[in-house]
Protein backbone atom coordinates (compact mmCIF):
# COMPACT_ATOMS: atom_id res chain seq x y z
CA UNK A 1 61.84 111.20 100.51
CA UNK A 2 64.74 113.60 99.94
CA UNK A 3 65.24 114.48 96.27
CA UNK A 4 68.64 115.53 94.89
CA UNK A 5 69.76 116.38 91.38
CA UNK A 6 73.24 114.84 91.72
CA UNK A 7 74.26 112.11 94.17
CA UNK A 8 77.93 111.13 94.39
CA UNK A 9 78.85 107.83 96.03
CA UNK A 10 82.46 107.64 97.22
CA UNK A 11 85.06 110.07 98.50
CA UNK A 12 88.41 109.44 96.86
CA UNK A 13 89.92 111.75 94.21
CA UNK A 14 87.13 110.82 91.76
CA UNK A 15 84.27 111.53 94.18
CA UNK A 16 85.69 114.79 95.53
CA UNK A 17 86.59 116.09 92.06
CA UNK A 18 83.09 115.25 90.83
CA UNK A 19 81.72 117.18 93.83
CA UNK A 20 83.92 120.20 93.00
CA UNK A 21 82.76 120.32 89.36
CA UNK A 22 79.12 119.53 90.16
CA UNK A 23 79.07 122.31 92.78
CA UNK A 24 80.45 124.85 90.32
CA UNK A 25 77.73 123.81 87.85
CA UNK A 26 75.07 124.54 90.52
CA UNK A 27 73.96 120.91 90.72
CA UNK A 28 73.93 121.06 94.56
CA UNK A 29 75.61 117.65 94.83
CA UNK A 30 75.23 115.38 97.84
CA UNK A 31 78.21 113.08 98.47
CA UNK A 32 78.26 110.00 100.70
CA UNK A 33 81.81 109.23 101.82
CA UNK A 34 81.52 105.47 102.33
CA UNK A 35 83.42 103.21 104.70
CA UNK A 36 86.85 104.63 103.90
CA UNK A 37 86.45 108.40 103.69
CA UNK A 38 89.13 109.67 101.33
CA UNK A 39 89.52 106.30 99.61
CA UNK A 40 92.69 104.27 99.15
CA UNK A 41 94.93 107.34 99.21
CA UNK A 42 94.40 107.62 102.95
CA UNK A 43 96.46 104.42 103.28
CA UNK A 44 99.52 105.84 101.52
CA UNK A 45 102.12 108.04 103.13
CA UNK A 46 103.68 110.46 100.63
CA UNK A 47 102.14 111.08 97.19
CA UNK A 48 104.82 112.43 94.85
CA UNK A 49 103.22 112.03 91.43
CA UNK A 50 100.21 114.36 91.74
CA UNK A 51 100.86 117.70 89.99
CA UNK A 52 100.92 120.81 92.13
CA UNK A 53 102.74 119.36 95.13
CA UNK A 54 106.45 119.92 94.38
CA UNK A 55 107.52 118.54 97.79
CA UNK A 56 105.05 115.66 97.68
CA UNK A 57 102.01 115.47 99.95
CA UNK A 58 100.68 113.10 102.58
CA UNK A 59 97.80 111.07 101.06
CA UNK A 60 95.48 111.95 103.94
CA UNK A 61 96.32 115.64 103.63
CA UNK A 62 95.57 115.62 99.91
CA UNK A 63 92.14 114.13 100.57
CA UNK A 64 91.49 116.70 103.32
CA UNK A 65 92.41 119.46 100.83
CA UNK A 66 90.05 118.05 98.18
CA UNK A 67 87.28 117.63 100.74
CA UNK A 68 87.65 121.23 101.95
CA UNK A 69 87.62 122.52 98.38
CA UNK A 70 84.41 120.61 97.57
CA UNK A 71 82.82 121.83 100.81
CA UNK A 72 83.82 125.46 100.20
CA UNK A 73 82.15 125.33 96.78
CA UNK A 74 78.89 124.12 98.32
CA UNK A 75 78.91 120.31 98.13
CA UNK A 76 76.87 118.57 100.84
CA UNK A 77 79.35 116.00 102.19
CA UNK A 78 77.88 113.30 104.40
CA UNK A 79 79.21 110.35 106.36
CA UNK A 80 77.55 107.05 105.67
CA UNK A 81 77.58 104.01 103.44
CA UNK A 82 75.25 103.38 100.52
CA UNK A 83 73.85 99.88 100.98
CA UNK A 84 71.27 99.58 98.20
CA UNK A 85 70.53 101.07 94.80
CA UNK A 86 67.40 100.85 92.67
CA UNK A 87 68.36 102.01 89.18
CA UNK A 88 65.27 100.57 87.47
CA UNK A 89 63.87 104.02 86.65
CA UNK A 90 64.64 107.70 87.18
CA UNK A 91 64.71 109.31 89.66
CA UNK A 92 66.94 106.57 91.10
CA UNK A 93 66.38 105.42 94.69
CA UNK A 94 69.49 105.06 96.80
CA UNK A 95 69.42 103.73 100.39
CA UNK A 96 72.05 104.19 103.12
CA UNK A 97 73.10 101.47 105.56
CA UNK A 98 70.82 103.14 108.13
CA UNK A 99 67.80 102.83 105.84
CA UNK A 100 67.63 106.49 104.77
CA UNK A 101 66.32 106.81 101.20
CA UNK A 102 67.09 109.46 98.60
CA UNK A 103 65.86 110.03 95.07
CA UNK A 104 68.51 111.20 92.63
CA UNK A 105 68.19 112.50 89.07
CA UNK A 106 71.84 111.62 88.41
CA UNK A 107 74.20 109.27 90.23
CA UNK A 108 78.00 109.33 90.06
CA UNK A 109 79.50 106.08 91.32
CA UNK A 110 83.04 106.63 92.61
CA UNK A 111 83.30 103.75 95.06
CA UNK A 112 86.82 102.70 94.04
CA UNK A 113 88.45 99.29 94.07
CA UNK A 114 90.04 97.55 97.02
CA UNK A 115 93.44 95.88 96.68
CA UNK A 116 93.41 92.19 97.54
CA UNK A 117 95.75 91.21 100.37
CA UNK A 118 97.07 87.83 101.47
CA UNK A 119 95.40 88.20 104.85
CA UNK A 120 98.58 88.28 106.93
CA UNK A 121 98.46 90.27 110.17
CA UNK A 122 101.84 91.75 109.22
CA UNK A 123 100.35 93.36 106.09
CA UNK A 124 98.25 95.60 108.30
CA UNK A 125 101.12 96.14 110.74
CA UNK A 126 103.51 97.41 108.05
CA UNK A 127 100.98 99.15 105.76
CA UNK A 128 102.63 102.39 104.66
CA UNK A 129 105.92 101.19 106.17
CA UNK A 130 107.06 98.84 103.45
CA UNK A 131 103.80 97.18 102.37
CA UNK A 132 102.12 98.54 99.25
CA UNK A 133 99.60 97.46 96.62
CA UNK A 134 100.74 99.99 94.01
CA UNK A 135 104.23 99.97 92.48
CA UNK A 136 103.53 103.05 90.36
CA UNK A 137 102.53 104.96 93.51
CA UNK A 138 105.31 103.85 95.85
CA UNK A 139 108.10 102.33 93.76
CA UNK A 140 110.04 105.60 93.72
CA UNK A 141 110.80 105.19 97.44
CA UNK A 142 112.67 101.94 96.75
CA UNK A 143 115.28 103.15 94.30
CA UNK A 144 118.45 101.05 94.58
CA UNK A 145 116.76 98.87 97.22
CA UNK A 146 115.54 95.27 97.32
CA UNK A 147 111.83 94.54 96.98
CA UNK A 148 109.47 91.59 96.59
CA UNK A 149 106.30 91.37 94.48
CA UNK A 150 103.65 88.75 95.28
CA UNK A 151 101.61 87.36 92.40
CA UNK A 152 101.85 85.36 89.21
CA UNK A 153 99.62 87.13 86.70
CA UNK A 154 100.06 89.99 84.26
CA UNK A 155 99.63 92.62 86.97
CA UNK A 156 102.39 91.08 89.09
CA UNK A 157 104.72 90.93 86.08
CA UNK A 158 103.96 94.55 85.19
CA UNK A 159 104.65 95.66 88.76
CA UNK A 160 107.89 93.64 88.87
CA UNK A 161 109.07 95.12 85.56
CA UNK A 162 108.22 98.65 86.71
CA UNK A 163 110.11 98.14 89.97
CA UNK A 164 113.06 96.58 88.13
CA UNK A 165 113.63 99.99 86.56
CA UNK A 166 114.04 101.50 90.02
CA UNK A 167 115.12 98.89 92.53
CA UNK A 168 118.43 97.08 92.81
CA UNK A 169 116.74 93.66 93.01
CA UNK A 170 113.16 92.42 92.59
CA UNK A 171 111.98 89.03 93.85
CA UNK A 172 108.75 87.78 92.27
CA UNK A 173 107.07 85.44 94.77
CA UNK A 174 104.85 82.97 92.91
CA UNK A 175 102.72 80.38 94.71
CA UNK A 176 102.52 77.99 91.75
CA UNK A 177 105.35 76.46 89.71
CA UNK A 178 104.48 78.64 86.69
CA UNK A 179 103.38 82.19 85.85
CA UNK A 180 99.73 82.74 84.85
CA UNK A 181 100.80 85.82 82.88
CA UNK A 182 100.73 86.15 79.09
CA UNK A 183 103.65 84.80 77.06
CA UNK A 184 104.98 88.30 76.38
CA UNK A 185 104.99 89.18 80.08
CA UNK A 186 106.56 85.87 81.09
CA UNK A 187 109.35 86.42 78.58
CA UNK A 188 110.03 89.98 79.74
CA UNK A 189 110.23 88.98 83.39
CA UNK A 190 112.38 85.92 82.71
CA UNK A 191 114.94 87.91 80.73
CA UNK A 192 115.17 90.89 83.10
CA UNK A 193 118.45 90.62 85.05
CA UNK A 194 117.06 92.53 88.05
CA UNK A 195 114.17 90.08 88.58
CA UNK A 196 114.45 86.70 90.28
CA UNK A 197 111.36 84.48 90.22
CA UNK A 198 110.74 82.35 93.31
CA UNK A 199 108.37 79.64 92.12
CA UNK A 200 106.38 77.51 94.59
CA UNK A 201 106.89 80.05 97.36
CA UNK A 202 104.41 81.40 99.91
CA UNK A 203 104.92 84.55 101.93
CA UNK A 204 103.74 83.73 105.47
CA UNK A 205 104.86 86.82 107.37
CA UNK A 206 107.01 89.94 107.46
CA UNK A 207 109.57 91.17 109.96
CA UNK A 208 111.40 94.35 110.86
CA UNK A 209 111.81 96.76 113.77
CA UNK A 210 111.76 99.86 111.61
CA UNK A 211 109.36 99.06 108.78
CA UNK A 212 109.69 95.98 106.57
CA UNK A 213 113.16 94.43 106.72
CA UNK A 214 112.32 90.99 105.37
CA UNK A 215 109.75 88.35 104.49
CA UNK A 216 109.22 84.87 106.00
CA UNK A 217 108.99 82.42 103.09
CA UNK A 218 107.97 78.79 102.70
CA UNK A 219 109.13 76.88 99.64
CA UNK A 220 106.91 73.97 98.53
CA UNK A 221 104.45 74.43 101.39
CA UNK A 222 103.03 71.14 102.68
CA UNK A 223 105.41 68.96 100.65
CA UNK A 224 108.00 66.52 102.08
CA UNK A 225 110.84 68.82 101.04
CA UNK A 226 109.21 71.99 102.46
CA UNK A 227 111.75 74.70 103.31
CA UNK A 228 111.28 77.76 105.52
CA UNK A 229 113.62 80.72 105.36
CA UNK A 230 113.82 84.49 105.72
CA UNK A 231 114.58 86.81 102.81
CA UNK A 232 115.81 90.36 103.56
CA UNK A 233 113.82 92.99 101.58
CA UNK A 234 112.97 96.68 101.96
CA UNK A 235 109.56 96.70 100.30
CA UNK A 236 106.71 94.18 99.90
CA UNK A 237 104.29 94.75 96.99
CA UNK A 238 100.97 92.93 96.63
CA UNK A 239 99.90 92.28 93.04
CA UNK A 240 97.20 89.66 93.40
CA UNK A 241 94.46 91.85 92.00
CA UNK A 242 91.85 94.43 92.96
CA UNK A 243 88.16 94.04 93.71
CA UNK A 244 85.98 96.88 92.39
CA UNK A 245 83.41 98.05 94.95
CA UNK A 246 80.49 97.58 92.57
CA UNK A 247 78.44 94.76 94.11
CA UNK A 248 75.29 96.77 94.89
CA UNK A 249 75.13 98.08 91.30
CA UNK A 250 75.71 94.81 89.42
CA UNK A 251 72.00 94.05 89.11
CA UNK A 252 71.61 97.19 86.98
CA UNK A 253 74.96 98.05 85.44
CA UNK A 254 77.11 96.15 82.97
CA UNK A 255 80.42 95.06 84.50
CA UNK A 256 83.34 92.97 83.30
CA UNK A 257 84.09 89.53 84.79
CA UNK A 258 86.04 91.10 87.69
CA UNK A 259 83.28 93.59 88.51
CA UNK A 260 84.64 96.80 86.96
CA UNK A 261 81.75 98.93 85.71
CA UNK A 262 81.71 99.16 81.92
CA UNK A 263 81.45 102.65 80.49
CA UNK A 264 80.50 103.77 76.99
CA UNK A 265 83.03 104.94 74.39
CA UNK A 266 85.69 105.95 76.91
CA UNK A 267 83.24 108.31 78.68
CA UNK A 268 81.96 107.94 82.28
CA UNK A 269 78.47 107.04 80.95
CA UNK A 270 77.09 103.62 81.87
CA UNK A 271 74.33 101.58 80.23
CA UNK A 272 71.77 103.48 82.34
CA UNK A 273 71.11 107.14 81.38
CA UNK A 274 72.02 109.56 84.16
CA UNK A 275 74.24 107.05 85.97
CA UNK A 276 77.99 107.59 85.64
CA UNK A 277 81.06 105.72 86.90
CA UNK A 278 84.32 107.44 87.81
CA UNK A 279 87.68 106.41 89.25
CA UNK A 280 88.98 102.95 90.06
CA UNK A 281 85.54 101.28 90.09
CA UNK A 282 85.59 101.64 86.29
CA UNK A 283 89.35 101.56 85.69
CA UNK A 284 91.17 98.20 85.66
CA UNK A 285 94.23 99.69 83.96
CA UNK A 286 95.65 102.88 85.50
CA UNK A 287 94.36 103.16 89.10
CA UNK A 288 96.06 106.51 89.75
CA UNK A 289 94.84 109.50 91.76
CA UNK A 290 95.27 111.81 88.77
CA UNK A 291 93.27 109.61 86.38
CA UNK A 292 90.57 109.12 89.03
CA UNK A 293 90.32 112.88 89.55
CA UNK A 294 90.08 113.43 85.78
CA UNK A 295 87.27 110.90 85.45
CA UNK A 296 85.42 112.54 88.35
CA UNK A 297 85.58 115.84 86.46
CA UNK A 298 84.24 114.19 83.30
CA UNK A 299 81.43 112.45 85.21
CA UNK A 300 80.24 115.76 86.71
CA UNK A 301 80.32 117.47 83.30
CA UNK A 302 78.34 114.57 81.80
CA UNK A 303 75.82 114.75 84.67
CA UNK A 304 75.35 118.48 84.07
CA UNK A 305 74.82 117.91 80.32
CA UNK A 306 72.35 115.11 80.99
CA UNK A 307 70.29 117.29 83.35
CA UNK A 308 70.27 120.24 80.95
CA UNK A 309 69.14 118.05 78.05
CA UNK A 310 66.34 116.36 80.00
């Protein structure tokens, strides 16, 4: 069985940054890229809020740059998905989807979190052309425009409030006849003049010849007074939650009720020594490329310290 000192699982900003730092510390890291090599950033068009790119950068290009940097410094970057993890004792046994087993002295989990979508075919059709799951990432492109946010919880309210500072008009599309959000959030949304809440509405499709130009809505779906109409918008933001990609680790690691891996005292350390979590898989709050990269750096430094102190 192959034995490695540092195994990194995932290839977004957290995974690649961990690989860069682990390589420079002579840990000879092996990184498995996962299903979506480059992570969620490969689904965005222009990234404008990552320092060092004054003109902005294509999300795919940024991930290619990070990958090349990690490779140049000596990281062993591999295609493949990790399907199983045995974290019962060190060295930890990790198995790929093809049944290949490795032993690892340290493991950095950087598997990310996947945005939840409604499941409409149009979401895929217009992804990167008006459909987004991150207002902080893409809201800037909708200044003085009209957008819609789907969701009724705190996240949806936060996204709507953020967009209200940029867009001309924000529609909050809520399936139920109330908001699930906290009282404070409900109050803020209700009193913001740029936000209009559409209760008991379902988005059933999108339309547009040149990116998103509108959303097909149904009011009071399935009721006698059901109404169907089209609402012109420029951007469609999903805010119905994220699912951390942590399922194969849940048997061993402490997670919150959603599945985000719990870390100790704000560090990347988990409840198992030598196992670290970085990026969106352990971050329900920020979910930004820059914070993911920073946590990847910290995870690699912690892994190096752990190995030196063993």
